[in-house]
Amino acid sequence: MSQQRAPGSQPQFDFEHDPALEAFIEDRAERIAREQAFVWRFRLVTIETLMMGALVLAAGLALGQPAFLVLRASVMVAAGCFASGILLLSLSGVADRGVTHIRRWRDRK
């Protein structure tokens, strides 16, 4: 393969293959990706919780039910949705760490 010239007056760097540097970059990128994935999953659970609560509230009010009864039901549905979402998040995190631990243990053998 021919090397392409950098446009303009940019310097052209020729880095040597450094396995330690690549391992450091991969570990850091993996850690950042895991942290961002958790934040996005938590946001998704929160949005779904709000949507379910609002949906129950709107449906109850549209059907002419008493406001306090509908409000209580929507809060209960939202709490259940949030609890199940957090439980699912936690269990998926535990499973991910378990698989990672088993994979590293298997690679060491």
N, C-alpha and C. Protein backbone atom coordinates (compact mmCIF):
# COMPACT_ATOMS: atom_id res chain seq x y z
N MET A 1 0.83 -1.18 0.00
CA MET A 1 0.00 0.00 0.00
C MET A 1 0.87 1.24 0.00
N SER A 2 0.51 2.20 -0.78
CA SER A 2 1.25 3.45 -0.80
C SER A 2 0.71 4.37 0.28
N GLN A 3 1.61 5.11 0.91
CA GLN A 3 1.19 6.04 1.94
C GLN A 3 0.69 7.32 1.30
N GLN A 4 -0.40 7.83 1.85
CA GLN A 4 -0.94 9.08 1.34
C GLN A 4 -0.26 10.24 2.05
N ARG A 5 -0.07 11.30 1.32
CA ARG A 5 0.53 12.49 1.90
C ARG A 5 -0.53 13.27 2.66
N ALA A 6 -0.10 13.87 3.75
CA ALA A 6 -1.01 14.70 4.53
C ALA A 6 -1.27 15.98 3.75
N PRO A 7 -2.52 16.46 3.75
CA PRO A 7 -2.82 17.69 3.01
C PRO A 7 -2.17 18.90 3.66
N GLY A 8 -1.77 19.84 2.85
CA GLY A 8 -1.22 21.09 3.36
C GLY A 8 0.13 20.90 4.03
N SER A 9 0.29 21.59 5.14
CA SER A 9 1.57 21.55 5.83
C SER A 9 1.52 20.71 7.10
N GLN A 10 0.60 19.74 7.15
CA GLN A 10 0.52 18.89 8.33
C GLN A 10 1.70 17.94 8.36
N PRO A 11 2.28 17.75 9.54
CA PRO A 11 3.38 16.79 9.63
C PRO A 11 2.84 15.36 9.50
N GLN A 12 3.65 14.51 8.93
CA GLN A 12 3.25 13.12 8.76
C GLN A 12 3.99 12.29 9.79
N PHE A 13 3.24 11.64 10.66
CA PHE A 13 3.84 10.85 11.72
C PHE A 13 3.87 9.39 11.32
N ASP A 14 4.93 8.74 11.70
CA ASP A 14 5.06 7.31 11.44
C ASP A 14 5.29 6.63 12.79
N PHE A 15 4.19 6.21 13.42
CA PHE A 15 4.29 5.58 14.73
C PHE A 15 4.61 4.11 14.58
N GLU A 16 5.44 3.63 15.48
CA GLU A 16 5.75 2.21 15.49
C GLU A 16 4.65 1.46 16.23
N HIS A 17 4.51 0.21 15.92
CA HIS A 17 3.51 -0.64 16.57
C HIS A 17 3.95 -0.90 18.01
N ASP A 18 3.19 -0.38 18.96
CA ASP A 18 3.50 -0.55 20.38
C ASP A 18 2.35 -1.29 21.05
N PRO A 19 2.53 -2.57 21.36
CA PRO A 19 1.44 -3.35 21.96
C PRO A 19 0.98 -2.81 23.31
N ALA A 20 1.88 -2.28 24.11
CA ALA A 20 1.50 -1.75 25.43
C ALA A 20 0.59 -0.53 25.27
N LEU A 21 0.93 0.34 24.33
CA LEU A 21 0.11 1.53 24.08
C LEU A 21 -1.26 1.14 23.54
N GLU A 22 -1.29 0.18 22.63
CA GLU A 22 -2.57 -0.27 22.08
C GLU A 22 -3.44 -0.91 23.15
N ALA A 23 -2.84 -1.69 24.04
CA ALA A 23 -3.60 -2.31 25.13
C ALA A 23 -4.16 -1.25 26.07
N PHE A 24 -3.36 -0.21 26.35
CA PHE A 24 -3.82 0.88 27.22
C PHE A 24 -5.01 1.60 26.58
N ILE A 25 -4.89 1.90 25.30
CA ILE A 25 -5.97 2.61 24.60
C ILE A 25 -7.24 1.75 24.55
N GLU A 26 -7.10 0.46 24.28
CA GLU A 26 -8.26 -0.42 24.22
C GLU A 26 -8.93 -0.53 25.59
N ASP A 27 -8.14 -0.66 26.65
CA ASP A 27 -8.71 -0.74 28.00
C ASP A 27 -9.46 0.54 28.36
N ARG A 28 -8.86 1.66 28.03
CA ARG A 28 -9.51 2.95 28.35
C ARG A 28 -10.79 3.13 27.54
N ALA A 29 -10.74 2.79 26.27
CA ALA A 29 -11.94 2.91 25.43
C ALA A 29 -13.04 1.97 25.92
N GLU A 30 -12.67 0.77 26.35
CA GLU A 30 -13.66 -0.17 26.87
C GLU A 30 -14.30 0.35 28.15
N ARG A 31 -13.50 0.93 29.04
CA ARG A 31 -14.02 1.47 30.29
C ARG A 31 -14.98 2.62 30.03
N ILE A 32 -14.60 3.51 29.13
CA ILE A 32 -15.46 4.66 28.81
C ILE A 32 -16.76 4.19 28.16
N ALA A 33 -16.66 3.21 27.27
CA ALA A 33 -17.87 2.69 26.61
C ALA A 33 -18.81 2.05 27.61
N ARG A 34 -18.26 1.32 28.58
CA ARG A 34 -19.11 0.70 29.61
C ARG A 34 -19.82 1.75 30.44
N GLU A 35 -19.09 2.80 30.84
CA GLU A 35 -19.69 3.86 31.64
C GLU A 35 -20.80 4.57 30.86
N GLN A 36 -20.54 4.88 29.62
CA GLN A 36 -21.55 5.56 28.81
C GLN A 36 -22.75 4.66 28.55
N ALA A 37 -22.52 3.37 28.38
CA ALA A 37 -23.62 2.45 28.16
C ALA A 37 -24.54 2.40 29.37
N PHE A 38 -23.96 2.41 30.58
CA PHE A 38 -24.79 2.40 31.79
C PHE A 38 -25.63 3.66 31.88
N VAL A 39 -25.02 4.81 31.59
CA VAL A 39 -25.76 6.07 31.66
C VAL A 39 -26.91 6.08 30.66
N TRP A 40 -26.66 5.61 29.45
CA TRP A 40 -27.72 5.59 28.45
C TRP A 40 -28.83 4.61 28.81
N ARG A 41 -28.47 3.47 29.38
CA ARG A 41 -29.50 2.52 29.82
C ARG A 41 -30.34 3.10 30.93
N PHE A 42 -29.70 3.80 31.87
CA PHE A 42 -30.43 4.43 32.96
C PHE A 42 -31.38 5.50 32.43
N ARG A 43 -30.93 6.27 31.46
CA ARG A 43 -31.80 7.28 30.84
C ARG A 43 -33.00 6.61 30.17
N LEU A 44 -32.77 5.51 29.50
CA LEU A 44 -33.85 4.80 28.84
C LEU A 44 -34.88 4.29 29.86
N VAL A 45 -34.41 3.73 30.97
CA VAL A 45 -35.33 3.26 32.01
C VAL A 45 -36.13 4.43 32.57
N THR A 46 -35.48 5.56 32.80
CA THR A 46 -36.16 6.73 33.34
C THR A 46 -37.22 7.25 32.38
N ILE A 47 -36.90 7.33 31.11
CA ILE A 47 -37.86 7.81 30.11
C ILE A 47 -39.04 6.86 30.00
N GLU A 48 -38.77 5.56 29.99
CA GLU A 48 -39.86 4.59 29.93
C GLU A 48 -40.75 4.68 31.16
N THR A 49 -40.15 4.92 32.32
CA THR A 49 -40.92 5.06 33.55
C THR A 49 -41.86 6.25 33.46
N LEU A 50 -41.34 7.38 33.02
CA LEU A 50 -42.18 8.57 32.90
C LEU A 50 -43.29 8.37 31.87
N MET A 51 -42.97 7.71 30.78
CA MET A 51 -43.98 7.47 29.75
C MET A 51 -45.09 6.55 30.26
N MET A 52 -44.74 5.50 30.97
CA MET A 52 -45.76 4.59 31.49
C MET A 52 -46.65 5.28 32.51
N GLY A 53 -46.03 6.06 33.41
CA GLY A 53 -46.83 6.79 34.39
C GLY A 53 -47.76 7.78 33.73
N ALA A 54 -47.27 8.51 32.75
CA ALA A 54 -48.10 9.49 32.04
C ALA A 54 -49.21 8.81 31.25
N LEU A 55 -48.91 7.65 30.68
CA LEU A 55 -49.91 6.91 29.92
C LEU A 55 -51.06 6.45 30.82
N VAL A 56 -50.73 5.92 31.98
CA VAL A 56 -51.77 5.48 32.91
C VAL A 56 -52.57 6.68 33.40
N LEU A 57 -51.90 7.78 33.68
CA LEU A 57 -52.58 8.99 34.13
C LEU A 57 -53.55 9.50 33.05
N ALA A 58 -53.07 9.58 31.82
CA ALA A 58 -53.92 10.08 30.73
C ALA A 58 -55.10 9.15 30.47
N ALA A 59 -54.85 7.84 30.50
CA ALA A 59 -55.94 6.89 30.25
C ALA A 59 -56.99 6.95 31.35
N GLY A 60 -56.54 7.04 32.59
CA GLY A 60 -57.49 7.11 33.69
C GLY A 60 -58.32 8.37 33.67
N LEU A 61 -57.69 9.49 33.38
CA LEU A 61 -58.44 10.75 33.31
C LEU A 61 -59.38 10.77 32.11
N ALA A 62 -58.94 10.17 31.00
CA ALA A 62 -59.79 10.12 29.81
C ALA A 62 -61.02 9.24 30.03
N LEU A 63 -60.89 8.25 30.90
CA LEU A 63 -62.03 7.37 31.19
C LEU A 63 -62.92 7.91 32.29
N GLY A 64 -62.57 9.07 32.83
CA GLY A 64 -63.41 9.71 33.82
C GLY A 64 -63.29 9.15 35.23
N GLN A 65 -62.17 8.54 35.55
CA GLN A 65 -61.96 8.00 36.88
C GLN A 65 -61.60 9.13 37.85
N PRO A 66 -61.76 8.91 39.16
CA PRO A 66 -61.39 9.94 40.13
C PRO A 66 -59.90 10.28 40.04
N ALA A 67 -59.59 11.56 40.13
CA ALA A 67 -58.22 12.03 39.91
C ALA A 67 -57.23 11.43 40.90
N PHE A 68 -57.59 11.36 42.19
CA PHE A 68 -56.66 10.82 43.18
C PHE A 68 -56.38 9.35 42.92
N LEU A 69 -57.40 8.60 42.56
CA LEU A 69 -57.24 7.18 42.26
C LEU A 69 -56.32 6.98 41.05
N VAL A 70 -56.51 7.79 40.04
CA VAL A 70 -55.69 7.70 38.83
C VAL A 70 -54.25 8.10 39.13
N LEU A 71 -54.08 9.16 39.91
CA LEU A 71 -52.73 9.61 40.27
C LEU A 71 -52.00 8.54 41.06
N ARG A 72 -52.68 7.93 42.01
CA ARG A 72 -52.07 6.88 42.82
C ARG A 72 -51.69 5.69 41.94
N ALA A 73 -52.56 5.31 41.03
CA ALA A 73 -52.28 4.18 40.13
C ALA A 73 -51.10 4.49 39.22
N SER A 74 -51.04 5.71 38.71
CA SER A 74 -49.93 6.06 37.80
C SER A 74 -48.60 6.07 38.54
N VAL A 75 -48.61 6.54 39.80
CA VAL A 75 -47.37 6.52 40.59
C VAL A 75 -46.96 5.08 40.88
N MET A 76 -47.91 4.22 41.18
CA MET A 76 -47.59 2.81 41.44
C MET A 76 -47.04 2.12 40.19
N VAL A 77 -47.63 2.41 39.05
CA VAL A 77 -47.14 1.82 37.80
C VAL A 77 -45.74 2.33 37.49
N ALA A 78 -45.52 3.63 37.67
CA ALA A 78 -44.20 4.20 37.40
C ALA A 78 -43.16 3.61 38.35
N ALA A 79 -43.52 3.45 39.63
CA ALA A 79 -42.57 2.87 40.59
C ALA A 79 -42.24 1.43 40.23
N GLY A 80 -43.24 0.67 39.84
CA GLY A 80 -42.99 -0.71 39.43
C GLY A 80 -42.14 -0.80 38.18
N CYS A 81 -42.40 0.08 37.24
CA CYS A 81 -41.62 0.11 36.00
C CYS A 81 -40.17 0.48 36.29
N PHE A 82 -39.98 1.49 37.16
CA PHE A 82 -38.62 1.91 37.49
C PHE A 82 -37.88 0.81 38.24
N ALA A 83 -38.55 0.17 39.19
CA ALA A 83 -37.91 -0.90 39.96
C ALA A 83 -37.52 -2.07 39.06
N SER A 84 -38.40 -2.46 38.16
CA SER A 84 -38.06 -3.57 37.26
C SER A 84 -36.96 -3.18 36.29
N GLY A 85 -36.95 -1.93 35.85
CA GLY A 85 -35.88 -1.48 34.96
C GLY A 85 -34.53 -1.46 35.64
N ILE A 86 -34.50 -0.99 36.89
CA ILE A 86 -33.24 -0.97 37.64
C ILE A 86 -32.77 -2.39 37.92
N LEU A 87 -33.72 -3.28 38.25
CA LEU A 87 -33.36 -4.68 38.47
C LEU A 87 -32.78 -5.30 37.20
N LEU A 88 -33.39 -5.01 36.08
CA LEU A 88 -32.88 -5.52 34.80
C LEU A 88 -31.50 -4.95 34.50
N LEU A 89 -31.31 -3.66 34.76
CA LEU A 89 -29.99 -3.04 34.57
C LEU A 89 -28.94 -3.71 35.44
N SER A 90 -29.28 -3.93 36.70
CA SER A 90 -28.34 -4.55 37.63
C SER A 90 -27.99 -5.97 37.22
N LEU A 91 -29.00 -6.74 36.86
CA LEU A 91 -28.75 -8.12 36.46
C LEU A 91 -27.94 -8.22 35.18
N SER A 92 -28.19 -7.31 34.24
CA SER A 92 -27.39 -7.34 33.01
C SER A 92 -25.95 -6.94 33.29
N GLY A 93 -25.74 -6.01 34.23
CA GLY A 93 -24.38 -5.65 34.62
C GLY A 93 -23.65 -6.79 35.30
N VAL A 94 -24.35 -7.50 36.18
CA VAL A 94 -23.75 -8.65 36.87
C VAL A 94 -23.41 -9.75 35.86
N ALA A 95 -24.31 -10.01 34.93
CA ALA A 95 -24.05 -11.02 33.91
C ALA A 95 -22.87 -10.63 33.03
N ASP A 96 -22.78 -9.36 32.69
CA ASP A 96 -21.67 -8.88 31.86
C ASP A 96 -20.35 -9.04 32.58
N ARG A 97 -20.32 -8.67 33.85
CA ARG A 97 -19.08 -8.83 34.62
C ARG A 97 -18.72 -10.29 34.80
N GLY A 98 -19.73 -11.13 34.98
CA GLY A 98 -19.47 -12.56 35.11
C GLY A 98 -18.88 -13.16 33.85
N VAL A 99 -19.44 -12.79 32.71
CA VAL A 99 -18.92 -13.29 31.43
C VAL A 99 -17.50 -12.78 31.21
N THR A 100 -17.25 -11.52 31.54
CA THR A 100 -15.90 -10.96 31.39
C THR A 100 -14.92 -11.69 32.29
N HIS A 101 -15.32 -11.96 33.53
CA HIS A 101 -14.45 -12.67 34.47
C HIS A 101 -14.15 -14.08 33.98
N ILE A 102 -15.16 -14.77 33.50
CA ILE A 102 -14.96 -16.13 32.99
C ILE A 102 -14.06 -16.11 31.76
N ARG A 103 -14.26 -15.13 30.87
CA ARG A 103 -13.44 -15.04 29.66
C ARG A 103 -11.97 -14.78 30.01
N ARG A 104 -11.73 -13.89 30.97
CA ARG A 104 -10.34 -13.61 31.38
C ARG A 104 -9.72 -14.82 32.05
N TRP A 105 -10.51 -15.53 32.87
CA TRP A 105 -10.02 -16.72 33.54
C TRP A 105 -9.66 -17.79 32.52
N ARG A 106 -10.51 -17.95 31.49
CA ARG A 106 -10.26 -18.94 30.45
C ARG A 106 -9.04 -18.57 29.61
N ASP A 107 -8.84 -17.28 29.36
CA ASP A 107 -7.69 -16.85 28.56
C ASP A 107 -6.38 -17.04 29.31
N ARG A 108 -6.41 -16.96 30.65
CA ARG A 108 -5.19 -17.15 31.43
C ARG A 108 -4.73 -18.59 31.43
N LYS A 109 -5.65 -19.52 31.24
CA LYS A 109 -5.29 -20.94 31.27
C LYS A 109 -4.56 -21.36 30.03
